Amino acid sequence: MVSAGEDVMPLHRTPEQRRARAWLMASKVAVSVVGGFAFAWGAFLLALALAVRAGYPYGEMQALFGGLTFVVYVPAFVWSYVSANQKLVWLVLAGGGTLMLLLAWWLQPA
């Protein structure tokens, strides 16, 4: 908790510190939107490919997993802001999303 006498954002930061903070915030915004979307989309496509391969109807599974994508995206979006390790967030969200996308592409029926 911040006391009344403390500065939340001190004005005496150097330009380098301000630039580093701006890049950190830009990274958080980018990974939350782009990485979260990639992760949710990869999870959706992988689940859909696995379900179709298991013999479930495509249309029903598309509707089911399309709705559940929101359940994947929101926690990924929030986690990208609360995590202190942005490299790990980028690796998990963007890298994991890309990996799931490639696996789904490989699993889809010909």
C-alpha atoms as a PDB file:
ATOM      1  CA  MET A   1       0.000   0.000   0.000  1.00  0.00           C
ATOM      2  CA  VAL A   2       1.274   3.452  -0.855  1.00  0.00           C
ATOM      3  CA  SER A   3       1.391   6.011   1.903  1.00  0.00           C
ATOM      4  CA  ALA A   4       0.333   9.613   1.370  1.00  0.00           C
ATOM      5  CA  GLY A   5       3.918  10.884   1.146  1.00  0.00           C
ATOM      6  CA  GLU A   6       5.173   8.399  -1.475  1.00  0.00           C
ATOM      7  CA  ASP A   7       5.239   9.057  -5.187  1.00  0.00           C
ATOM      8  CA  VAL A   8       3.612   6.340  -7.235  1.00  0.00           C
ATOM      9  CA  MET A   9       5.375   7.473 -10.407  1.00  0.00           C
ATOM     10  CA  PRO A  10       8.346   9.655  -9.547  1.00  0.00           C
ATOM     11  CA  LEU A  11       9.007  12.429 -12.008  1.00  0.00           C
ATOM     12  CA  HIS A  12      12.766  12.227 -11.577  1.00  0.00           C
ATOM     13  CA  ARG A  13      13.217   9.177 -13.780  1.00  0.00           C
ATOM     14  CA  THR A  14      15.883   9.368 -16.419  1.00  0.00           C
ATOM     15  CA  PRO A  15      14.909   9.231 -20.099  1.00  0.00           C
ATOM     16  CA  GLU A  16      16.360   5.713 -20.287  1.00  0.00           C
ATOM     17  CA  GLN A  17      14.173   4.570 -17.393  1.00  0.00           C
ATOM     18  CA  ARG A  18      11.097   6.132 -19.003  1.00  0.00           C
ATOM     19  CA  ARG A  19      11.922   4.490 -22.330  1.00  0.00           C
ATOM     20  CA  ALA A  20      12.439   1.098 -20.675  1.00  0.00           C
ATOM     21  CA  ARG A  21       9.118   1.436 -18.858  1.00  0.00           C
ATOM     22  CA  ALA A  22       7.382   2.407 -22.099  1.00  0.00           C
ATOM     23  CA  TRP A  23       8.810  -0.662 -23.867  1.00  0.00           C
ATOM     24  CA  LEU A  24       7.702  -2.875 -20.980  1.00  0.00           C
ATOM     25  CA  MET A  25       4.153  -1.530 -21.180  1.00  0.00           C
ATOM     26  CA  ALA A  26       4.131  -1.882 -24.979  1.00  0.00           C
ATOM     27  CA  SER A  27       5.318  -5.468 -24.591  1.00  0.00           C
ATOM     28  CA  LYS A  28       2.570  -6.210 -22.065  1.00  0.00           C
ATOM     29  CA  VAL A  29      -0.087  -4.798 -24.370  1.00  0.00           C
ATOM     30  CA  ALA A  30       1.273  -6.645 -27.410  1.00  0.00           C
ATOM     31  CA  VAL A  31       1.599  -9.996 -25.681  1.00  0.00           C
ATOM     32  CA  SER A  32      -1.828  -9.696 -24.077  1.00  0.00           C
ATOM     33  CA  VAL A  33      -3.548  -9.029 -27.398  1.00  0.00           C
ATOM     34  CA  VAL A  34      -1.385 -10.889 -29.921  1.00  0.00           C
ATOM     35  CA  GLY A  35      -0.071 -13.674 -27.691  1.00  0.00           C
ATOM     36  CA  GLY A  36      -3.406 -14.240 -25.997  1.00  0.00           C
ATOM     37  CA  PHE A  37      -5.150 -14.428 -29.365  1.00  0.00           C
ATOM     38  CA  ALA A  38      -2.516 -16.803 -30.765  1.00  0.00           C
ATOM     39  CA  PHE A  39      -2.790 -19.052 -27.722  1.00  0.00           C
ATOM     40  CA  ALA A  40      -6.602 -19.110 -27.752  1.00  0.00           C
ATOM     41  CA  TRP A  41      -6.742 -19.661 -31.513  1.00  0.00           C
ATOM     42  CA  GLY A  42      -4.156 -22.438 -31.319  1.00  0.00           C
ATOM     43  CA  ALA A  43      -6.075 -24.144 -28.507  1.00  0.00           C
ATOM     44  CA  PHE A  44      -9.313 -23.844 -30.499  1.00  0.00           C
ATOM     45  CA  LEU A  45      -7.824 -25.321 -33.656  1.00  0.00           C
ATOM     46  CA  LEU A  46      -6.035 -28.112 -31.821  1.00  0.00           C
ATOM     47  CA  ALA A  47      -9.168 -29.104 -29.906  1.00  0.00           C
ATOM     48  CA  LEU A  48     -11.212 -28.975 -33.112  1.00  0.00           C
ATOM     49  CA  ALA A  49      -8.706 -31.099 -35.035  1.00  0.00           C
ATOM     50  CA  LEU A  50      -8.573 -33.675 -32.238  1.00  0.00           C
ATOM     51  CA  ALA A  51     -12.371 -33.829 -31.996  1.00  0.00           C
ATOM     52  CA  VAL A  52     -12.844 -34.218 -35.758  1.00  0.00           C
ATOM     53  CA  ARG A  53     -10.162 -36.879 -35.841  1.00  0.00           C
ATOM     54  CA  ALA A  54     -12.020 -38.685 -33.037  1.00  0.00           C
ATOM     55  CA  GLY A  55     -15.160 -38.724 -35.199  1.00  0.00           C
ATOM     56  CA  TYR A  56     -17.249 -35.873 -33.817  1.00  0.00           C
ATOM     57  CA  PRO A  57     -19.169 -33.654 -36.265  1.00  0.00           C
ATOM     58  CA  TYR A  58     -17.215 -30.596 -37.357  1.00  0.00           C
ATOM     59  CA  GLY A  59     -20.032 -28.059 -37.030  1.00  0.00           C
ATOM     60  CA  GLU A  60     -20.990 -29.033 -33.485  1.00  0.00           C
ATOM     61  CA  MET A  61     -17.401 -29.062 -32.282  1.00  0.00           C
ATOM     62  CA  GLN A  62     -16.715 -25.730 -33.943  1.00  0.00           C
ATOM     63  CA  ALA A  63     -19.611 -24.155 -32.037  1.00  0.00           C
ATOM     64  CA  LEU A  64     -18.571 -25.776 -28.753  1.00  0.00           C
ATOM     65  CA  PHE A  65     -14.891 -24.898 -28.915  1.00  0.00           C
ATOM     66  CA  GLY A  66     -15.606 -21.461 -30.346  1.00  0.00           C
ATOM     67  CA  GLY A  67     -17.506 -20.597 -27.190  1.00  0.00           C
ATOM     68  CA  LEU A  68     -14.864 -22.107 -24.957  1.00  0.00           C
ATOM     69  CA  THR A  69     -12.120 -20.043 -26.612  1.00  0.00           C
ATOM     70  CA  PHE A  70     -13.233 -17.111 -24.471  1.00  0.00           C
ATOM     71  CA  VAL A  71     -12.438 -19.204 -21.382  1.00  0.00           C
ATOM     72  CA  VAL A  72      -8.881 -19.644 -22.661  1.00  0.00           C
ATOM     73  CA  TYR A  73      -8.333 -16.067 -23.870  1.00  0.00           C
ATOM     74  CA  VAL A  74      -9.357 -14.167 -20.742  1.00  0.00           C
ATOM     75  CA  PRO A  75      -6.965 -15.908 -18.302  1.00  0.00           C
ATOM     76  CA  ALA A  76      -4.139 -15.637 -20.844  1.00  0.00           C
ATOM     77  CA  PHE A  77      -4.881 -11.930 -21.271  1.00  0.00           C
ATOM     78  CA  VAL A  78      -4.899 -11.306 -17.512  1.00  0.00           C
ATOM     79  CA  TRP A  79      -1.796 -13.441 -16.876  1.00  0.00           C
ATOM     80  CA  SER A  80       0.183 -11.398 -19.388  1.00  0.00           C
ATOM     81  CA  TYR A  81      -0.378  -8.276 -17.276  1.00  0.00           C
ATOM     82  CA  VAL A  82       0.260  -9.736 -13.825  1.00  0.00           C
ATOM     83  CA  SER A  83       3.361 -11.734 -14.709  1.00  0.00           C
ATOM     84  CA  ALA A  84       6.721 -10.187 -13.946  1.00  0.00           C
ATOM     85  CA  ASN A  85       8.559 -12.328 -16.516  1.00  0.00           C
ATOM     86  CA  GLN A  86       7.564 -11.030 -19.958  1.00  0.00           C
ATOM     87  CA  LYS A  87       9.906 -13.415 -21.777  1.00  0.00           C
ATOM     88  CA  LEU A  88       8.106 -16.386 -20.251  1.00  0.00           C
ATOM     89  CA  VAL A  89       4.728 -14.898 -21.174  1.00  0.00           C
ATOM     90  CA  TRP A  90       5.814 -14.407 -24.793  1.00  0.00           C
ATOM     91  CA  LEU A  91       7.223 -17.931 -24.900  1.00  0.00           C
ATOM     92  CA  VAL A  92       4.106 -19.569 -23.474  1.00  0.00           C
ATOM     93  CA  LEU A  93       1.446 -17.535 -25.261  1.00  0.00           C
ATOM     94  CA  ALA A  94       2.952 -16.843 -28.683  1.00  0.00           C
ATOM     95  CA  GLY A  95       5.171 -19.924 -28.799  1.00  0.00           C
ATOM     96  CA  GLY A  96       2.546 -22.257 -27.369  1.00  0.00           C
ATOM     97  CA  GLY A  97      -0.098 -20.859 -29.691  1.00  0.00           C
ATOM     98  CA  THR A  98       2.132 -21.358 -32.705  1.00  0.00           C
ATOM     99  CA  LEU A  99       2.999 -24.881 -31.621  1.00  0.00           C
ATOM    100  CA  MET A 100      -0.683 -25.793 -31.138  1.00  0.00           C
ATOM    101  CA  LEU A 101      -1.514 -24.263 -34.510  1.00  0.00           C
ATOM    102  CA  LEU A 102       1.148 -26.347 -36.249  1.00  0.00           C
ATOM    103  CA  LEU A 103       0.037 -29.498 -34.459  1.00  0.00           C
ATOM    104  CA  ALA A 104      -3.590 -28.857 -35.426  1.00  0.00           C
ATOM    105  CA  TRP A 105      -2.538 -28.283 -39.021  1.00  0.00           C
ATOM    106  CA  TRP A 106      -0.651 -31.577 -38.990  1.00  0.00           C
ATOM    107  CA  LEU A 107      -3.617 -33.462 -37.427  1.00  0.00           C
ATOM    108  CA  GLN A 108      -6.343 -32.179 -39.730  1.00  0.00           C
ATOM    109  CA  PRO A 109      -7.788 -34.730 -42.119  1.00  0.00           C
ATOM    110  CA  ALA A 110      -6.698 -34.544 -45.723  1.00  0.00           C
END
